[in-house]
Amino acid sequence: MYTSTFIFDAKPFDDEFHRFNDEIAEHARAIPGFLGMGVHKEAKSVREKWIESYRVVIAEVLSTYGQAGLGLEHVPHAPSRG
C-alpha cells in the first residue's frame, strides 16, 4: 500500500476552493480501495489561488499499529527478506 501526503502553505480559501475540494473527495471515495483524499487535475491547475509552496510525499506503508477497524481495511504484508 502507498500513501500520498500533500503538505502546503495555504492562502485564504473561497467558495470555489470548497467546491473543488468537495468534488475531489466525491471522486476519490468512488475509487475501489480508496482510503483517503486525492488531487483533481482541474483544481491543481488553479492551485496558485489557494496554495503557496507545496510538497507531495509518496510513501510505501510497511506496517500499521493501533486499533483495528478505524477506516484502514488493508493490512500490508511485511517485505520478504532474502
N, C-alpha and C. Protein backbone atom coordinates (compact mmCIF):
# COMPACT_ATOMS: atom_id res chain seq x y z
N MET A 1 0.85 -1.17 0.00
CA MET A 1 0.00 0.00 0.00
C MET A 1 0.90 1.23 0.00
N TYR A 2 0.46 2.26 -0.71
CA TYR A 2 1.18 3.51 -0.77
C TYR A 2 0.30 4.64 -0.26
N THR A 3 0.94 5.69 0.25
CA THR A 3 0.22 6.89 0.66
C THR A 3 0.79 8.08 -0.10
N SER A 4 -0.03 9.07 -0.28
CA SER A 4 0.38 10.34 -0.86
C SER A 4 -0.05 11.43 0.10
N THR A 5 0.91 12.22 0.56
CA THR A 5 0.62 13.29 1.51
C THR A 5 0.92 14.63 0.85
N PHE A 6 -0.03 15.53 0.88
CA PHE A 6 0.10 16.85 0.27
C PHE A 6 0.26 17.86 1.40
N ILE A 7 1.42 18.53 1.47
CA ILE A 7 1.74 19.50 2.51
C ILE A 7 1.86 20.86 1.83
N PHE A 8 1.19 21.88 2.38
CA PHE A 8 1.22 23.18 1.70
C PHE A 8 0.99 24.34 2.65
N ASP A 9 1.42 25.53 2.20
CA ASP A 9 1.12 26.79 2.87
C ASP A 9 -0.13 27.34 2.20
N ALA A 10 -1.20 27.45 2.97
CA ALA A 10 -2.50 27.86 2.40
C ALA A 10 -2.65 29.37 2.34
N LYS A 11 -3.31 29.81 1.27
CA LYS A 11 -3.82 31.17 1.16
C LYS A 11 -5.28 31.10 1.62
N PRO A 12 -5.98 32.22 1.70
CA PRO A 12 -7.40 32.15 2.10
C PRO A 12 -8.22 31.32 1.10
N PHE A 13 -9.08 30.44 1.62
CA PHE A 13 -9.95 29.61 0.80
C PHE A 13 -11.25 30.36 0.51
N ASP A 14 -11.78 30.16 -0.70
CA ASP A 14 -13.04 30.78 -1.07
C ASP A 14 -14.05 29.69 -1.44
N ASP A 15 -15.24 30.10 -1.90
CA ASP A 15 -16.28 29.13 -2.25
C ASP A 15 -15.84 28.18 -3.36
N GLU A 16 -15.09 28.70 -4.34
CA GLU A 16 -14.62 27.85 -5.43
C GLU A 16 -13.68 26.75 -4.91
N PHE A 17 -12.80 27.11 -3.96
CA PHE A 17 -11.92 26.11 -3.36
C PHE A 17 -12.74 25.00 -2.71
N HIS A 18 -13.72 25.38 -1.93
CA HIS A 18 -14.54 24.38 -1.23
C HIS A 18 -15.32 23.50 -2.21
N ARG A 19 -15.76 24.08 -3.34
CA ARG A 19 -16.44 23.30 -4.37
C ARG A 19 -15.49 22.26 -4.96
N PHE A 20 -14.26 22.70 -5.31
CA PHE A 20 -13.26 21.77 -5.83
C PHE A 20 -12.94 20.69 -4.79
N ASN A 21 -12.76 21.10 -3.56
CA ASN A 21 -12.41 20.16 -2.50
C ASN A 21 -13.49 19.09 -2.33
N ASP A 22 -14.76 19.51 -2.36
CA ASP A 22 -15.86 18.56 -2.25
C ASP A 22 -15.91 17.62 -3.45
N GLU A 23 -15.64 18.15 -4.65
CA GLU A 23 -15.64 17.33 -5.86
C GLU A 23 -14.50 16.30 -5.82
N ILE A 24 -13.34 16.72 -5.37
CA ILE A 24 -12.19 15.81 -5.24
C ILE A 24 -12.57 14.66 -4.30
N ALA A 25 -13.12 14.99 -3.16
CA ALA A 25 -13.47 13.97 -2.17
C ALA A 25 -14.51 13.00 -2.73
N GLU A 26 -15.50 13.51 -3.45
CA GLU A 26 -16.54 12.65 -4.03
C GLU A 26 -15.95 11.66 -5.04
N HIS A 27 -15.10 12.15 -5.93
CA HIS A 27 -14.48 11.28 -6.92
C HIS A 27 -13.54 10.26 -6.27
N ALA A 28 -12.76 10.72 -5.32
CA ALA A 28 -11.80 9.83 -4.66
C ALA A 28 -12.50 8.70 -3.91
N ARG A 29 -13.58 9.03 -3.20
CA ARG A 29 -14.31 8.00 -2.44
C ARG A 29 -14.90 6.92 -3.34
N ALA A 30 -15.09 7.22 -4.62
CA ALA A 30 -15.65 6.24 -5.56
C ALA A 30 -14.61 5.26 -6.09
N ILE A 31 -13.34 5.49 -5.81
CA ILE A 31 -12.26 4.60 -6.28
C ILE A 31 -12.21 3.37 -5.39
N PRO A 32 -12.31 2.15 -5.96
CA PRO A 32 -12.21 0.94 -5.13
C PRO A 32 -10.90 0.91 -4.35
N GLY A 33 -10.99 0.64 -3.07
CA GLY A 33 -9.80 0.57 -2.22
C GLY A 33 -9.33 1.91 -1.70
N PHE A 34 -10.02 2.99 -2.06
CA PHE A 34 -9.64 4.33 -1.62
C PHE A 34 -9.68 4.45 -0.10
N LEU A 35 -8.64 5.05 0.48
CA LEU A 35 -8.59 5.20 1.93
C LEU A 35 -8.46 6.66 2.39
N GLY A 36 -8.25 7.60 1.49
CA GLY A 36 -8.04 9.00 1.89
C GLY A 36 -8.24 9.96 0.73
N MET A 37 -7.79 11.20 0.87
CA MET A 37 -8.02 12.26 -0.09
C MET A 37 -7.06 12.21 -1.28
N GLY A 38 -7.47 12.74 -2.45
CA GLY A 38 -6.66 12.77 -3.65
C GLY A 38 -6.59 14.15 -4.28
N VAL A 39 -5.97 14.27 -5.48
CA VAL A 39 -5.81 15.58 -6.16
C VAL A 39 -6.52 15.54 -7.50
N HIS A 40 -7.28 16.54 -7.80
CA HIS A 40 -8.03 16.66 -9.04
C HIS A 40 -7.25 17.56 -10.01
N LYS A 41 -7.10 17.17 -11.29
CA LYS A 41 -6.30 17.93 -12.26
C LYS A 41 -6.78 19.37 -12.42
N GLU A 42 -8.09 19.58 -12.49
CA GLU A 42 -8.60 20.94 -12.67
C GLU A 42 -8.26 21.81 -11.47
N ALA A 43 -8.44 21.27 -10.28
CA ALA A 43 -8.11 22.02 -9.07
C ALA A 43 -6.62 22.32 -9.01
N LYS A 44 -5.81 21.35 -9.41
CA LYS A 44 -4.36 21.54 -9.41
C LYS A 44 -3.95 22.66 -10.36
N SER A 45 -4.66 22.80 -11.48
CA SER A 45 -4.30 23.82 -12.46
C SER A 45 -4.52 25.24 -11.95
N VAL A 46 -5.35 25.42 -10.94
CA VAL A 46 -5.60 26.75 -10.37
C VAL A 46 -5.15 26.83 -8.91
N ARG A 47 -4.29 25.93 -8.51
CA ARG A 47 -3.87 25.87 -7.12
C ARG A 47 -3.22 27.14 -6.60
N GLU A 48 -2.59 27.93 -7.49
CA GLU A 48 -1.90 29.15 -7.04
C GLU A 48 -2.86 30.15 -6.40
N LYS A 49 -4.17 29.98 -6.63
CA LYS A 49 -5.15 30.85 -5.99
C LYS A 49 -5.25 30.60 -4.49
N TRP A 50 -4.98 29.35 -4.07
CA TRP A 50 -5.19 28.97 -2.67
C TRP A 50 -3.95 28.42 -1.98
N ILE A 51 -2.92 28.09 -2.75
CA ILE A 51 -1.76 27.40 -2.17
C ILE A 51 -0.47 28.10 -2.58
N GLU A 52 0.37 28.40 -1.61
CA GLU A 52 1.70 28.95 -1.87
C GLU A 52 2.61 27.79 -2.26
N SER A 53 3.67 27.60 -1.52
CA SER A 53 4.57 26.48 -1.78
C SER A 53 3.93 25.18 -1.31
N TYR A 54 4.35 24.07 -1.93
CA TYR A 54 3.80 22.78 -1.53
C TYR A 54 4.81 21.68 -1.75
N ARG A 55 4.51 20.54 -1.15
CA ARG A 55 5.34 19.35 -1.28
C ARG A 55 4.43 18.14 -1.25
N VAL A 56 4.70 17.16 -2.11
CA VAL A 56 3.96 15.90 -2.12
C VAL A 56 4.93 14.80 -1.72
N VAL A 57 4.53 13.98 -0.76
CA VAL A 57 5.35 12.87 -0.29
C VAL A 57 4.62 11.58 -0.61
N ILE A 58 5.26 10.70 -1.39
CA ILE A 58 4.71 9.39 -1.71
C ILE A 58 5.50 8.38 -0.87
N ALA A 59 4.79 7.54 -0.13
CA ALA A 59 5.47 6.59 0.76
C ALA A 59 4.81 5.22 0.70
N GLU A 60 5.61 4.18 0.87
CA GLU A 60 5.08 2.83 0.96
C GLU A 60 4.83 2.51 2.43
N VAL A 61 3.64 2.01 2.73
CA VAL A 61 3.29 1.63 4.10
C VAL A 61 3.75 0.20 4.32
N LEU A 62 4.63 0.01 5.27
CA LEU A 62 5.15 -1.32 5.56
C LEU A 62 4.40 -2.01 6.68
N SER A 63 3.82 -1.23 7.58
CA SER A 63 3.03 -1.83 8.66
C SER A 63 2.15 -0.76 9.28
N THR A 64 1.16 -1.22 10.03
CA THR A 64 0.27 -0.31 10.75
C THR A 64 0.18 -0.79 12.19
N TYR A 65 -0.16 0.13 13.08
CA TYR A 65 -0.24 -0.18 14.51
C TYR A 65 -1.51 0.42 15.08
N GLY A 66 -1.94 -0.09 16.21
CA GLY A 66 -3.06 0.51 16.93
C GLY A 66 -4.37 -0.22 16.72
N GLN A 67 -5.45 0.47 17.04
CA GLN A 67 -6.80 -0.07 16.99
C GLN A 67 -7.19 -0.47 15.57
N ALA A 68 -7.59 -1.71 15.40
CA ALA A 68 -8.07 -2.17 14.10
C ALA A 68 -9.46 -1.59 13.84
N GLY A 69 -9.82 -1.47 12.56
CA GLY A 69 -11.17 -1.04 12.20
C GLY A 69 -11.40 0.45 12.24
N LEU A 70 -10.36 1.26 12.21
CA LEU A 70 -10.55 2.71 12.22
C LEU A 70 -10.42 3.28 10.81
N GLY A 71 -10.99 2.59 9.83
CA GLY A 71 -11.01 3.08 8.47
C GLY A 71 -9.91 2.53 7.58
N LEU A 72 -9.00 1.76 8.11
CA LEU A 72 -7.93 1.19 7.32
C LEU A 72 -8.19 -0.31 7.20
N GLU A 73 -8.74 -0.72 6.08
CA GLU A 73 -9.12 -2.11 5.89
C GLU A 73 -7.96 -2.97 5.42
N HIS A 74 -7.02 -2.37 4.70
CA HIS A 74 -5.91 -3.12 4.12
C HIS A 74 -4.75 -3.17 5.11
N VAL A 75 -4.23 -4.35 5.36
CA VAL A 75 -3.04 -4.52 6.19
C VAL A 75 -1.94 -5.04 5.29
N PRO A 76 -0.91 -4.23 5.02
CA PRO A 76 0.13 -4.66 4.08
C PRO A 76 0.94 -5.82 4.62
N HIS A 77 1.48 -6.62 3.70
CA HIS A 77 2.35 -7.71 4.07
C HIS A 77 3.74 -7.19 4.36
N ALA A 78 4.41 -7.79 5.30
CA ALA A 78 5.80 -7.41 5.58
C ALA A 78 6.66 -7.75 4.39
N PRO A 79 7.64 -6.91 4.06
CA PRO A 79 8.51 -7.24 2.91
C PRO A 79 9.31 -8.49 3.19
N SER A 80 9.52 -9.29 2.15
CA SER A 80 10.32 -10.51 2.33
C SER A 80 11.78 -10.15 2.45
N ARG A 81 12.50 -10.90 3.24
CA ARG A 81 13.93 -10.65 3.46
C ARG A 81 14.71 -11.85 2.94
N GLY A 82 15.45 -11.61 1.88
CA GLY A 82 16.33 -12.66 1.35
C GLY A 82 15.63 -13.53 0.45
